[in-house]
Amino acid sequence: MGETMNTRELLDKALIKVGGPSELARQLKWDKGGIARITKAGSKQKVPPYRAAQCAELLHQDRVAAYLGAMEEHAKTAHEKAFWREQLEE
């Protein structure tokens, strides 16, 4: 599947494409507060895999690659991170 952008970049591009958090929340049936928690300055909160896939689809990108990339970002151990990276590279 190859390389994909990180999920925060994906979210940022989706926000730009639709015109902001309110419209993204409406289109993806996502709580604006959830988007705000991720996008606020200094936030360490990650984009959920399901939402990463939705943003990728909105941007006409590979939603499976976005999902796997998000799973890698959410991984708690090096072993788990390596597993998701391998899936992404297949």
C-alpha atoms as a PDB file:
ATOM      1  CA  MET A   1       0.000   0.000   0.000  1.00  0.00           C
ATOM      2  CA  GLY A   2       2.926   2.284   0.537  1.00  0.00           C
ATOM      3  CA  GLU A   3       3.384   5.509   2.395  1.00  0.00           C
ATOM      4  CA  THR A   4       0.557   7.740   3.527  1.00  0.00           C
ATOM      5  CA  MET A   5       0.449  11.105   5.255  1.00  0.00           C
ATOM      6  CA  ASN A   6      -0.015  11.111   9.011  1.00  0.00           C
ATOM      7  CA  THR A   7      -3.575  11.267  10.208  1.00  0.00           C
ATOM      8  CA  ARG A   8      -3.327  14.812  11.524  1.00  0.00           C
ATOM      9  CA  GLU A   9      -2.261  16.018   8.063  1.00  0.00           C
ATOM     10  CA  LEU A  10      -5.158  14.051   6.610  1.00  0.00           C
ATOM     11  CA  LEU A  11      -7.580  15.729   9.014  1.00  0.00           C
ATOM     12  CA  ASP A  12      -6.133  19.178   8.268  1.00  0.00           C
ATOM     13  CA  LYS A  13      -6.517  18.663   4.514  1.00  0.00           C
ATOM     14  CA  ALA A  14     -10.098  17.425   4.981  1.00  0.00           C
ATOM     15  CA  LEU A  15     -10.901  20.508   7.066  1.00  0.00           C
ATOM     16  CA  ILE A  16      -9.544  22.767   4.331  1.00  0.00           C
ATOM     17  CA  LYS A  17     -11.399  20.903   1.589  1.00  0.00           C
ATOM     18  CA  VAL A  18     -14.822  21.210   3.235  1.00  0.00           C
ATOM     19  CA  GLY A  19     -14.313  24.672   4.733  1.00  0.00           C
ATOM     20  CA  GLY A  20     -13.871  23.994   8.436  1.00  0.00           C
ATOM     21  CA  PRO A  21     -14.808  21.879  11.431  1.00  0.00           C
ATOM     22  CA  SER A  22     -18.557  22.511  11.353  1.00  0.00           C
ATOM     23  CA  GLU A  23     -18.893  21.281   7.792  1.00  0.00           C
ATOM     24  CA  LEU A  24     -16.575  18.323   8.356  1.00  0.00           C
ATOM     25  CA  ALA A  25     -18.583  17.353  11.430  1.00  0.00           C
ATOM     26  CA  ARG A  26     -21.785  17.557   9.420  1.00  0.00           C
ATOM     27  CA  GLN A  27     -20.499  15.547   6.463  1.00  0.00           C
ATOM     28  CA  LEU A  28     -18.873  12.812   8.543  1.00  0.00           C
ATOM     29  CA  LYS A  29     -21.461  12.803  11.360  1.00  0.00           C
ATOM     30  CA  TRP A  30     -18.658  13.621  13.795  1.00  0.00           C
ATOM     31  CA  ASP A  31     -19.013  15.701  16.946  1.00  0.00           C
ATOM     32  CA  LYS A  32     -17.340  19.121  16.526  1.00  0.00           C
ATOM     33  CA  GLY A  33     -15.889  18.704  20.007  1.00  0.00           C
ATOM     34  CA  GLY A  34     -14.075  15.570  18.895  1.00  0.00           C
ATOM     35  CA  ILE A  35     -12.503  17.452  16.027  1.00  0.00           C
ATOM     36  CA  ALA A  36     -11.592  20.371  18.308  1.00  0.00           C
ATOM     37  CA  ARG A  37      -9.876  18.086  20.843  1.00  0.00           C
ATOM     38  CA  ILE A  38      -7.574  16.822  18.089  1.00  0.00           C
ATOM     39  CA  THR A  39      -6.912  20.131  16.348  1.00  0.00           C
ATOM     40  CA  LYS A  40      -6.358  22.435  19.311  1.00  0.00           C
ATOM     41  CA  ALA A  41      -2.798  23.675  19.718  1.00  0.00           C
ATOM     42  CA  GLY A  42      -0.608  21.306  21.678  1.00  0.00           C
ATOM     43  CA  SER A  43      -3.083  18.437  21.541  1.00  0.00           C
ATOM     44  CA  LYS A  44      -1.609  14.952  21.668  1.00  0.00           C
ATOM     45  CA  GLN A  45      -4.947  13.326  20.844  1.00  0.00           C
ATOM     46  CA  LYS A  46      -4.795  11.197  17.722  1.00  0.00           C
ATOM     47  CA  VAL A  47      -7.307  10.837  14.917  1.00  0.00           C
ATOM     48  CA  PRO A  48      -9.320   7.622  15.420  1.00  0.00           C
ATOM     49  CA  PRO A  49      -8.709   5.041  12.659  1.00  0.00           C
ATOM     50  CA  TYR A  50     -12.358   5.139  11.544  1.00  0.00           C
ATOM     51  CA  ARG A  51     -12.189   8.927  11.186  1.00  0.00           C
ATOM     52  CA  ALA A  52      -8.847   8.750   9.349  1.00  0.00           C
ATOM     53  CA  ALA A  53     -10.455   6.410   6.816  1.00  0.00           C
ATOM     54  CA  GLN A  54     -13.397   8.795   6.404  1.00  0.00           C
ATOM     55  CA  CYS A  55     -11.073  11.767   5.828  1.00  0.00           C
ATOM     56  CA  ALA A  56      -9.065   9.783   3.272  1.00  0.00           C
ATOM     57  CA  GLU A  57     -12.234   8.850   1.423  1.00  0.00           C
ATOM     58  CA  LEU A  58     -13.307  12.500   1.387  1.00  0.00           C
ATOM     59  CA  LEU A  59      -9.921  13.395  -0.129  1.00  0.00           C
ATOM     60  CA  HIS A  60     -10.084  10.533  -2.663  1.00  0.00           C
ATOM     61  CA  GLN A  61      -7.146   8.782  -1.017  1.00  0.00           C
ATOM     62  CA  ASP A  62      -6.658   5.186   0.083  1.00  0.00           C
ATOM     63  CA  ARG A  63      -8.899   4.733   3.111  1.00  0.00           C
ATOM     64  CA  VAL A  64      -7.350   1.374   4.062  1.00  0.00           C
ATOM     65  CA  ALA A  65      -3.875   2.947   4.111  1.00  0.00           C
ATOM     66  CA  ALA A  66      -5.233   5.791   6.262  1.00  0.00           C
ATOM     67  CA  TYR A  67      -6.843   3.298   8.652  1.00  0.00           C
ATOM     68  CA  LEU A  68      -3.644   1.261   8.954  1.00  0.00           C
ATOM     69  CA  GLY A  69      -1.591   4.435   9.423  1.00  0.00           C
ATOM     70  CA  ALA A  70      -3.886   5.482  12.254  1.00  0.00           C
ATOM     71  CA  MET A  71      -3.593   2.046  13.837  1.00  0.00           C
ATOM     72  CA  GLU A  72       0.188   2.435  13.724  1.00  0.00           C
ATOM     73  CA  GLU A  73      -0.063   5.885  15.342  1.00  0.00           C
ATOM     74  CA  HIS A  74      -2.274   4.431  18.106  1.00  0.00           C
ATOM     75  CA  ALA A  75       0.050   1.461  18.771  1.00  0.00           C
ATOM     76  CA  LYS A  76       1.233   1.170  22.362  1.00  0.00           C
ATOM     77  CA  THR A  77       4.288  -1.033  21.803  1.00  0.00           C
ATOM     78  CA  ALA A  78       7.091  -1.238  19.270  1.00  0.00           C
ATOM     79  CA  HIS A  79       5.878  -4.722  18.297  1.00  0.00           C
ATOM     80  CA  GLU A  80       2.349  -3.486  17.662  1.00  0.00           C
ATOM     81  CA  LYS A  81       3.658  -0.465  15.713  1.00  0.00           C
ATOM     82  CA  ALA A  82       5.823  -2.783  13.569  1.00  0.00           C
ATOM     83  CA  PHE A  83       2.821  -5.012  12.880  1.00  0.00           C
ATOM     84  CA  TRP A  84       0.733  -2.117  11.551  1.00  0.00           C
ATOM     85  CA  ARG A  85       3.702  -0.760   9.568  1.00  0.00           C
ATOM     86  CA  GLU A  86       4.108  -4.166   7.875  1.00  0.00           C
ATOM     87  CA  GLN A  87       0.415  -4.204   6.985  1.00  0.00           C
ATOM     88  CA  LEU A  88       0.721  -0.741   5.512  1.00  0.00           C
ATOM     89  CA  GLU A  89       3.720  -1.718   3.390  1.00  0.00           C
ATOM     90  CA  GLU A  90       2.066  -4.813   1.868  1.00  0.00           C
END
